[in-house]
Amino acid sequence: MRFAIFSHVEHSEREGRYYAYAPYVREMNIWLKYVQKVEVVAPVRLPPKGEVARQHCYQHEYLTYTTIPSFHFLNLRGAVKAVIKIPYILYKILGAMKRADHLHLRCPGNIGLLACICQIFFPSKSKSTKYAGNWDPEAKQPLSYRFQKWLLSNTYLTRNMQVLVYGEWPGQSKNVVSFFTASFSENEKNEVPKKAFSEPFIFVFVGNLVEGKRPLEAIKLVERLNFKLREGTDQEIPASYILMKLELYGDGPEREKLKAYVRENNLEQLISIKGNRSLEELKEAYQKAHFVILPSKSEGWPKALAEGMFFGCIPVATPVSCVPWMLDYGKRGILLEEFSQRLTANSQRLKRSGQRTEDRGQDGGKIIKLLADREKMKKMSEAASEWSQQYTLEKFEAAIRKILNNKP
């Protein structure tokens, strides 16, 4: 089988091998185990020094790379350049699709958008799309994202395609398949520790330090929780005694801003910014932590939550995308309503499902109440772990084999 990948992910070339964002390449290398030849159609650029450590290379003996330029419509200059580039990109995409036996699209994204249109001309070819964004049909999204979702789920224009989406959504077309991403194996289930839910409570944030992930909001939440926990006790707690900690793993443009906030507010004992770490180091962090926190604006599959839950961390997250489903609407984690955009589609859905949504300021109270109930924390931790451990690398690989064999 000749397998063609169409992606907006920017790659780099070093010594004849192609590298890209590590979690993406780790996943793609699982797909590539079951194909004979690979063609990657994606942009190439020289990564900044800080990104090199976060990249992995493809593992396949027969891999060819078709370089295409990236483009955007964020401003007039970018739009003019895009109009010039798009005919060439379409030519390259159509050529790769003609050569391939299986077309694999990575969406949403500008290259994915063009590939969605081009695949219409190959109705008989086996196809799959990994839609890594928010598939929520009620979510407010850019027009290009909504168009991709509409086109991919249109079974007249998009034929012989399995569209892999995160979460379970009502009223979807028959080619839309609920899917997942895995980081750990069946054997690693035995490495889940029995957590002692006592001070200091350890929170972990894992992800890129960008505004959309809201790492500063995670810091402020833990800062507020620490204050409330001290305020709510009858005993005088020495300033040196640590009630809780937040460890942030990741890097990005917000890092210096976060460090400045921690320094200016004397939070060094409470907050530590660890930077990028290997998956093995992250696993150790999850094993020690009590909570995994992600007050993000938008998500596809929030992998950090699933990873933390695998090792018994209680998830604390905004109700975006499939997060409410992952947390069973608050039964195996805490949904942060105050950080969600007021009355979002998911907030409305929570209300319709009978779940209570809290207004601003009450999220901290929910967490403080949970911290006082060790038995409930233990049960929530076990429920989170049991759910996440359904999604192992072995099951992920088996699901990929079925897709490549064109089985729903």
Protein backbone atom coordinates (compact mmCIF):
# COMPACT_ATOMS: atom_id res chain seq x y z
CA MET A 1 0.00 0.00 0.00
CA ARG A 2 1.22 3.49 -0.88
CA PHE A 3 0.08 5.80 1.93
CA ALA A 4 -0.10 9.58 1.38
CA ILE A 5 -0.27 12.05 4.27
CA PHE A 6 -1.54 15.60 3.70
CA SER A 7 -0.72 17.89 6.62
CA HIS A 8 -0.23 21.53 7.60
CA VAL A 9 2.36 20.45 10.20
CA GLU A 10 5.69 22.09 9.37
CA HIS A 11 8.59 19.65 9.04
CA SER A 12 12.34 20.01 9.04
CA GLU A 13 14.94 17.97 7.17
CA ARG A 14 18.18 16.85 8.81
CA GLU A 15 20.62 14.36 7.31
CA GLY A 16 18.03 12.98 4.93
CA ARG A 17 15.37 12.39 7.60
CA TYR A 18 12.21 14.37 8.22
CA TYR A 19 11.25 15.64 11.65
CA ALA A 20 8.12 17.23 13.06
CA TYR A 21 6.25 17.83 16.33
CA ALA A 22 6.94 14.74 18.45
CA PRO A 23 3.38 13.68 19.50
CA TYR A 24 2.21 13.92 15.88
CA VAL A 25 5.15 11.87 14.52
CA ARG A 26 4.85 9.25 17.29
CA GLU A 27 1.25 8.70 16.20
CA MET A 28 2.07 8.65 12.50
CA ASN A 29 4.83 6.08 13.03
CA ILE A 30 2.14 3.68 14.30
CA TRP A 31 0.20 4.15 11.04
CA LEU A 32 3.37 3.65 9.03
CA LYS A 33 4.00 0.20 10.50
CA TYR A 34 1.27 -1.18 8.22
CA VAL A 35 2.08 0.43 4.87
CA GLN A 36 4.77 -0.36 2.31
CA LYS A 37 5.45 3.13 0.93
CA VAL A 38 4.81 6.61 2.31
CA GLU A 39 4.55 10.06 0.75
CA VAL A 40 4.29 13.08 3.05
CA VAL A 41 2.88 16.27 1.54
CA ALA A 42 3.52 19.16 3.90
CA PRO A 43 5.49 22.40 4.39
CA VAL A 44 9.16 22.46 5.41
CA ARG A 45 10.92 25.10 7.48
CA LEU A 46 14.02 25.40 9.63
CA PRO A 47 12.80 25.17 13.24
CA PRO A 48 13.95 27.57 15.99
CA LYS A 49 16.47 26.03 18.39
CA GLY A 50 13.85 25.56 21.11
CA GLU A 51 11.70 23.40 18.84
CA VAL A 52 14.37 20.90 17.80
CA ALA A 53 14.16 19.01 21.10
CA ARG A 54 10.39 18.64 20.64
CA GLN A 55 10.68 16.96 17.24
CA HIS A 56 10.82 13.29 16.25
CA CYS A 57 11.55 11.75 12.87
CA TYR A 58 9.48 9.37 10.79
CA GLN A 59 10.45 5.71 11.02
CA HIS A 60 9.98 4.19 7.57
CA GLU A 61 12.39 2.80 5.02
CA TYR A 62 10.47 3.92 1.92
CA LEU A 63 9.39 7.50 2.66
CA THR A 64 9.34 10.34 0.15
CA TYR A 65 8.62 13.96 0.97
CA THR A 66 6.77 16.40 -1.27
CA THR A 67 7.43 19.96 -0.12
CA ILE A 68 4.65 22.51 -0.42
CA PRO A 69 4.54 26.07 0.92
CA SER A 70 2.40 27.02 3.89
CA PHE A 71 -0.09 29.88 3.53
CA HIS A 72 -2.60 31.92 5.49
CA PHE A 73 -5.28 34.59 5.10
CA LEU A 74 -4.56 36.47 8.33
CA ASN A 75 -3.78 39.74 6.55
CA LEU A 76 -3.89 41.25 3.05
CA ARG A 77 -0.28 40.40 2.26
CA GLY A 78 -0.78 36.80 3.35
CA ALA A 79 -3.99 36.51 1.33
CA VAL A 80 -2.30 37.78 -1.85
CA LYS A 81 0.57 35.31 -1.39
CA ALA A 82 -1.92 32.49 -0.73
CA VAL A 83 -3.75 33.14 -4.03
CA ILE A 84 -0.42 32.80 -5.84
CA LYS A 85 0.63 29.64 -3.96
CA ILE A 86 -2.64 27.67 -3.98
CA PRO A 87 -2.60 26.50 -7.65
CA TYR A 88 0.88 25.00 -7.14
CA ILE A 89 -0.19 23.34 -3.85
CA LEU A 90 -3.30 21.87 -5.51
CA TYR A 91 -1.12 20.50 -8.32
CA LYS A 92 1.17 18.78 -5.79
CA ILE A 93 -1.72 17.41 -3.72
CA LEU A 94 -3.57 16.02 -6.75
CA GLY A 95 -0.38 14.38 -8.01
CA ALA A 96 0.24 12.66 -4.65
CA MET A 97 -3.40 11.54 -4.46
CA LYS A 98 -3.16 10.02 -7.93
CA ARG A 99 -0.06 8.02 -6.89
CA ALA A 100 -1.46 6.82 -3.54
CA ASP A 101 -3.60 3.84 -2.56
CA HIS A 102 -4.76 5.38 0.73
CA LEU A 103 -5.24 9.09 1.37
CA HIS A 104 -4.75 10.30 4.95
CA LEU A 105 -5.78 13.89 5.70
CA ARG A 106 -4.82 15.83 8.84
CA CYS A 107 -7.47 18.41 9.66
CA PRO A 108 -8.35 21.12 10.48
CA GLY A 109 -5.83 23.32 8.71
CA ASN A 110 -5.22 25.13 5.44
CA ILE A 111 -3.51 22.15 3.75
CA GLY A 112 -6.25 19.87 5.07
CA LEU A 113 -8.82 22.25 3.57
CA LEU A 114 -7.29 21.93 0.09
CA ALA A 115 -6.89 18.17 0.50
CA CYS A 116 -10.59 17.90 1.47
CA ILE A 117 -11.50 19.50 -1.85
CA CYS A 118 -9.03 17.45 -3.90
CA GLN A 119 -10.15 14.09 -2.48
CA ILE A 120 -13.57 14.61 -4.11
CA PHE A 121 -11.93 13.68 -7.44
CA PHE A 122 -10.85 10.27 -6.11
CA PRO A 123 -14.12 8.71 -4.91
CA SER A 124 -12.96 5.09 -5.16
CA LYS A 125 -9.71 5.46 -3.20
CA SER A 126 -9.50 4.37 0.43
CA LYS A 127 -9.34 7.43 2.71
CA SER A 128 -9.14 8.53 6.32
CA THR A 129 -9.10 11.90 8.02
CA LYS A 130 -7.81 12.55 11.52
CA TYR A 131 -9.76 15.61 12.64
CA ALA A 132 -7.64 16.73 15.58
CA GLY A 133 -9.75 19.77 16.45
CA ASN A 134 -13.07 20.31 18.18
CA TRP A 135 -15.82 18.42 16.30
CA ASP A 136 -18.62 19.84 18.48
CA PRO A 137 -21.32 20.76 15.93
CA GLU A 138 -22.44 23.68 18.13
CA ALA A 139 -18.97 25.19 18.65
CA LYS A 140 -18.22 28.67 17.33
CA GLN A 141 -15.39 28.19 14.85
CA PRO A 142 -13.80 29.88 11.82
CA LEU A 143 -15.59 29.45 8.51
CA SER A 144 -12.78 27.28 7.09
CA TYR A 145 -13.13 24.82 10.00
CA ARG A 146 -16.90 24.63 9.59
CA PHE A 147 -16.49 24.08 5.86
CA GLN A 148 -14.06 21.20 6.43
CA LYS A 149 -16.44 19.58 8.91
CA TRP A 150 -19.35 19.96 6.48
CA LEU A 151 -17.41 18.59 3.50
CA LEU A 152 -15.90 15.65 5.38
CA SER A 153 -19.29 14.56 6.72
CA ASN A 154 -21.00 14.94 3.33
CA THR A 155 -21.14 11.34 2.15
CA TYR A 156 -22.05 12.35 -1.42
CA LEU A 157 -18.95 14.49 -1.98
CA THR A 158 -16.68 12.58 0.38
CA ARG A 159 -16.78 8.88 -0.42
CA ASN A 160 -14.94 5.87 0.96
CA MET A 161 -13.72 7.99 3.87
CA GLN A 162 -13.57 7.36 7.61
CA VAL A 163 -13.49 10.65 9.54
CA LEU A 164 -11.92 10.13 12.95
CA VAL A 165 -13.16 12.63 15.54
CA TYR A 166 -12.75 13.07 19.28
CA GLY A 167 -15.81 12.45 21.42
CA GLU A 168 -19.28 11.19 20.68
CA TRP A 169 -21.65 13.62 18.98
CA PRO A 170 -25.32 13.09 18.10
CA GLY A 171 -26.68 13.26 14.57
CA GLN A 172 -23.41 12.60 12.71
CA SER A 173 -23.15 11.03 9.28
CA LYS A 174 -22.23 7.34 9.02
CA ASN A 175 -18.62 8.04 7.98
CA VAL A 176 -17.83 9.95 11.20
CA VAL A 177 -16.13 7.63 13.70
CA SER A 178 -15.43 8.37 17.36
CA PHE A 179 -11.70 7.94 17.87
CA PHE A 180 -8.98 8.54 20.45
CA THR A 181 -5.24 8.97 20.96
CA ALA A 182 -3.12 6.86 23.30
CA SER A 183 0.24 7.40 25.01
CA PHE A 184 0.68 4.38 27.27
CA SER A 185 0.61 0.61 26.91
CA GLU A 186 -1.29 -2.19 28.63
CA ASN A 187 1.84 -3.01 30.68
CA GLU A 188 1.92 0.51 32.13
CA LYS A 189 -1.41 -0.08 33.85
CA ASN A 190 0.66 -1.86 36.51
CA GLU A 191 2.63 1.33 37.19
CA VAL A 192 -0.32 3.32 38.54
CA PRO A 193 0.44 4.15 42.19
CA LYS A 194 -2.04 4.25 45.04
CA LYS A 195 -2.21 7.95 45.68
CA ALA A 196 -2.24 9.37 49.20
CA PHE A 197 -4.57 12.34 48.95
CA SER A 198 -2.94 14.60 51.53
CA GLU A 199 -0.96 17.85 51.57
CA PRO A 200 0.82 19.04 49.66
CA PHE A 201 -1.69 18.51 46.85
CA ILE A 202 0.19 18.47 43.54
CA PHE A 203 -1.36 19.88 40.37
CA VAL A 204 0.30 19.46 36.95
CA PHE A 205 -0.26 21.46 33.79
CA VAL A 206 1.13 19.86 30.61
CA GLY A 207 1.03 21.63 27.28
CA ASN A 208 2.39 24.45 25.18
CA LEU A 209 2.70 27.69 27.13
CA VAL A 210 0.46 29.67 24.82
CA GLU A 211 -2.43 32.00 25.53
CA GLY A 212 -5.03 29.53 24.26
CA LYS A 213 -4.03 26.89 26.84
CA ARG A 214 -4.39 29.50 29.63
CA PRO A 215 -1.42 28.49 31.79
CA LEU A 216 -1.67 31.80 33.65
CA GLU A 217 -5.25 30.94 34.63
CA ALA A 218 -3.99 27.61 35.99
CA ILE A 219 -1.46 29.50 38.13
CA LYS A 220 -4.08 31.97 39.36
CA LEU A 221 -6.50 29.17 40.21
CA VAL A 222 -3.93 27.30 42.32
CA GLU A 223 -2.86 30.58 43.92
CA ARG A 224 -6.47 31.26 44.89
CA LEU A 225 -7.00 27.69 46.13
CA ASN A 226 -3.93 27.94 48.34
CA PHE A 227 -5.24 31.19 49.85
CA LYS A 228 -8.73 29.74 50.44
CA LEU A 229 -7.33 26.56 51.97
CA ARG A 230 -5.27 28.56 54.45
CA GLU A 231 -8.13 30.96 55.14
CA GLY A 232 -10.60 28.15 55.74
CA THR A 233 -8.73 26.40 58.56
CA ASP A 234 -9.02 27.15 62.28
CA GLN A 235 -5.36 26.37 62.83
CA GLU A 236 -2.52 28.77 62.15
CA ILE A 237 -0.45 27.34 59.29
CA PRO A 238 3.22 28.38 59.11
CA ALA A 239 4.08 30.22 55.90
CA SER A 240 6.78 27.64 55.19
CA TYR A 241 4.27 24.76 55.18
CA ILE A 242 3.25 23.94 51.59
CA LEU A 243 -0.41 23.03 51.11
CA MET A 244 -0.30 22.63 47.34
CA LYS A 245 1.98 22.93 44.33
CA LEU A 246 1.55 23.49 40.62
CA GLU A 247 4.13 22.14 38.17
CA LEU A 248 3.95 23.39 34.59
CA TYR A 249 5.50 21.23 31.85
CA GLY A 250 5.95 22.73 28.41
CA ASP A 251 7.39 25.75 26.67
CA GLY A 252 6.16 28.60 24.55
CA PRO A 253 5.80 32.37 24.16
CA GLU A 254 3.98 32.78 27.51
CA ARG A 255 6.87 31.35 29.57
CA GLU A 256 8.57 34.65 30.47
CA LYS A 257 5.21 36.23 31.33
CA LEU A 258 4.43 33.32 33.66
CA LYS A 259 7.85 33.49 35.32
CA ALA A 260 7.38 37.23 35.86
CA TYR A 261 3.96 36.68 37.47
CA VAL A 262 5.36 34.00 39.79
CA ARG A 263 8.28 36.22 40.77
CA GLU A 264 6.21 39.39 41.29
CA ASN A 265 3.69 37.57 43.49
CA ASN A 266 6.25 35.57 45.52
CA LEU A 267 4.85 32.23 44.36
CA GLU A 268 8.15 30.38 43.97
CA GLN A 269 7.23 27.84 46.67
CA LEU A 270 3.87 27.24 45.05
CA ILE A 271 4.61 27.30 41.29
CA SER A 272 7.44 25.69 39.32
CA ILE A 273 7.89 25.94 35.54
CA LYS A 274 9.70 22.81 34.41
CA GLY A 275 9.92 23.35 30.64
CA ASN A 276 9.79 20.59 28.03
CA ARG A 277 10.33 17.08 29.35
CA SER A 278 10.33 13.60 27.86
CA LEU A 279 7.25 11.37 28.00
CA GLU A 280 9.01 9.23 30.62
CA GLU A 281 9.55 12.29 32.83
CA LEU A 282 5.95 13.35 32.33
CA LYS A 283 4.86 9.87 33.38
CA GLU A 284 6.77 10.28 36.65
CA ALA A 285 5.09 13.65 37.18
CA TYR A 286 1.62 12.12 36.64
CA GLN A 287 2.44 9.31 39.06
CA LYS A 288 3.25 11.83 41.82
CA ALA A 289 0.48 14.32 41.09
CA HIS A 290 -3.05 14.41 42.48
CA PHE A 291 -4.63 16.64 39.82
CA VAL A 292 -4.04 17.43 36.13
CA ILE A 293 -5.31 20.88 35.16
CA LEU A 294 -6.13 22.34 31.74
CA PRO A 295 -8.21 25.58 31.65
CA SER A 296 -7.92 25.69 27.85
CA LYS A 297 -10.02 27.77 25.45
CA SER A 298 -10.30 24.98 22.89
CA GLU A 299 -9.20 21.37 22.49
CA GLY A 300 -9.49 18.39 20.20
CA TRP A 301 -8.42 15.42 22.29
CA PRO A 302 -6.80 16.93 25.42
CA LYS A 303 -4.03 14.37 25.63
CA ALA A 304 -2.57 15.77 28.85
CA LEU A 305 -5.87 15.09 30.63
CA ALA A 306 -6.09 11.53 29.31
CA GLU A 307 -2.45 10.89 30.27
CA GLY A 308 -2.90 12.22 33.78
CA MET A 309 -6.13 10.31 34.25
CA PHE A 310 -4.34 7.10 33.19
CA PHE A 311 -2.20 7.45 36.34
CA GLY A 312 -5.06 8.44 38.63
CA CYS A 313 -4.82 12.24 38.45
CA ILE A 314 -8.17 13.94 38.93
CA PRO A 315 -8.78 16.13 35.84
CA VAL A 316 -9.68 19.81 36.27
CA ALA A 317 -10.61 21.37 32.93
CA THR A 318 -12.87 23.70 31.01
CA PRO A 319 -15.90 22.07 29.32
CA VAL A 320 -14.65 22.45 25.74
CA SER A 321 -14.92 19.92 22.91
CA CYS A 322 -15.18 16.35 24.26
CA VAL A 323 -13.95 17.23 27.79
CA PRO A 324 -17.40 16.93 29.45
CA TRP A 325 -17.75 13.44 27.92
CA MET A 326 -14.25 12.49 29.12
CA LEU A 327 -15.06 13.65 32.65
CA ASP A 328 -18.53 12.05 32.52
CA TYR A 329 -20.05 15.49 33.07
CA GLY A 330 -18.27 16.00 36.38
CA LYS A 331 -18.40 12.48 37.82
CA ARG A 332 -14.72 11.73 37.24
CA GLY A 333 -13.29 15.24 37.35
CA ILE A 334 -14.07 18.92 37.82
CA LEU A 335 -15.43 21.07 35.00
CA LEU A 336 -14.25 24.68 35.26
CA GLU A 337 -17.25 26.74 34.29
CA GLU A 338 -15.76 30.09 35.29
CA PHE A 339 -13.00 29.81 32.66
CA SER A 340 -15.30 28.68 29.89
CA GLN A 341 -16.71 31.42 27.69
CA ARG A 342 -19.99 32.36 29.28
CA LEU A 343 -22.88 30.12 28.23
CA THR A 344 -20.92 28.26 25.58
CA ALA A 345 -22.55 25.43 23.69
CA ASN A 346 -21.09 22.94 26.18
CA SER A 347 -22.42 24.92 29.15
CA GLN A 348 -25.86 24.83 27.55
CA ARG A 349 -25.46 21.10 26.93
CA LEU A 350 -24.50 20.53 30.57
CA LYS A 351 -27.65 22.30 31.67
CA ARG A 352 -29.78 20.22 29.32
CA SER A 353 -28.18 17.03 30.69
CA GLY A 354 -29.19 18.03 34.22
CA GLN A 355 -25.69 19.03 35.36
CA ARG A 356 -25.38 22.20 37.39
CA THR A 357 -23.15 24.90 35.93
CA GLU A 358 -21.39 27.22 38.34
CA ASP A 359 -20.83 30.94 37.90
CA ARG A 360 -17.60 32.85 38.36
CA GLY A 361 -15.81 32.23 41.67
CA GLN A 362 -17.47 28.93 42.51
CA ASP A 363 -14.94 26.67 40.80
CA GLY A 364 -12.49 27.26 43.64
CA GLY A 365 -15.22 26.33 46.10
CA LYS A 366 -15.90 23.08 44.26
CA ILE A 367 -12.24 22.12 44.44
CA ILE A 368 -11.86 23.14 48.11
CA LYS A 369 -14.91 21.01 48.95
CA LEU A 370 -13.37 18.06 47.12
CA LEU A 371 -10.02 18.52 48.91
CA ALA A 372 -11.84 18.08 52.22
CA ASP A 373 -13.31 14.72 51.13
CA ARG A 374 -10.43 12.23 50.80
CA GLU A 375 -12.74 9.31 50.07
CA LYS A 376 -14.43 11.15 47.20
CA MET A 377 -11.03 12.12 45.76
CA LYS A 378 -9.95 8.49 45.87
CA LYS A 379 -13.11 7.33 44.07
CA MET A 380 -12.85 10.09 41.47
CA SER A 381 -9.20 9.20 40.87
CA GLU A 382 -10.07 5.52 40.39
CA ALA A 383 -12.92 6.40 38.00
CA ALA A 384 -10.59 8.65 35.97
CA SER A 385 -7.94 5.94 35.77
CA GLU A 386 -10.43 3.22 34.82
CA TRP A 387 -11.81 5.34 31.98
CA SER A 388 -8.45 6.43 30.56
CA GLN A 389 -6.97 2.94 30.68
CA GLN A 390 -9.46 1.83 28.03
CA TYR A 391 -7.33 3.76 25.54
CA THR A 392 -3.96 2.01 25.34
CA LEU A 393 -1.38 1.97 22.55
CA GLU A 394 -2.31 -1.63 21.77
CA LYS A 395 -5.98 -0.72 21.24
CA PHE A 396 -4.95 2.36 19.29
CA GLU A 397 -2.79 0.28 16.97
CA ALA A 398 -5.59 -2.27 16.47
CA ALA A 399 -8.01 0.55 15.59
CA ILE A 400 -5.53 1.94 13.03
CA ARG A 401 -5.18 -1.50 11.41
CA LYS A 402 -8.95 -1.68 10.98
CA ILE A 403 -9.02 1.73 9.32
CA LEU A 404 -6.24 0.81 6.91
CA ASN A 405 -8.15 -2.37 6.06
CA ASN A 406 -11.12 -0.10 5.37
CA LYS A 407 -13.22 -1.58 8.15
CA PRO A 408 -15.51 0.70 10.17
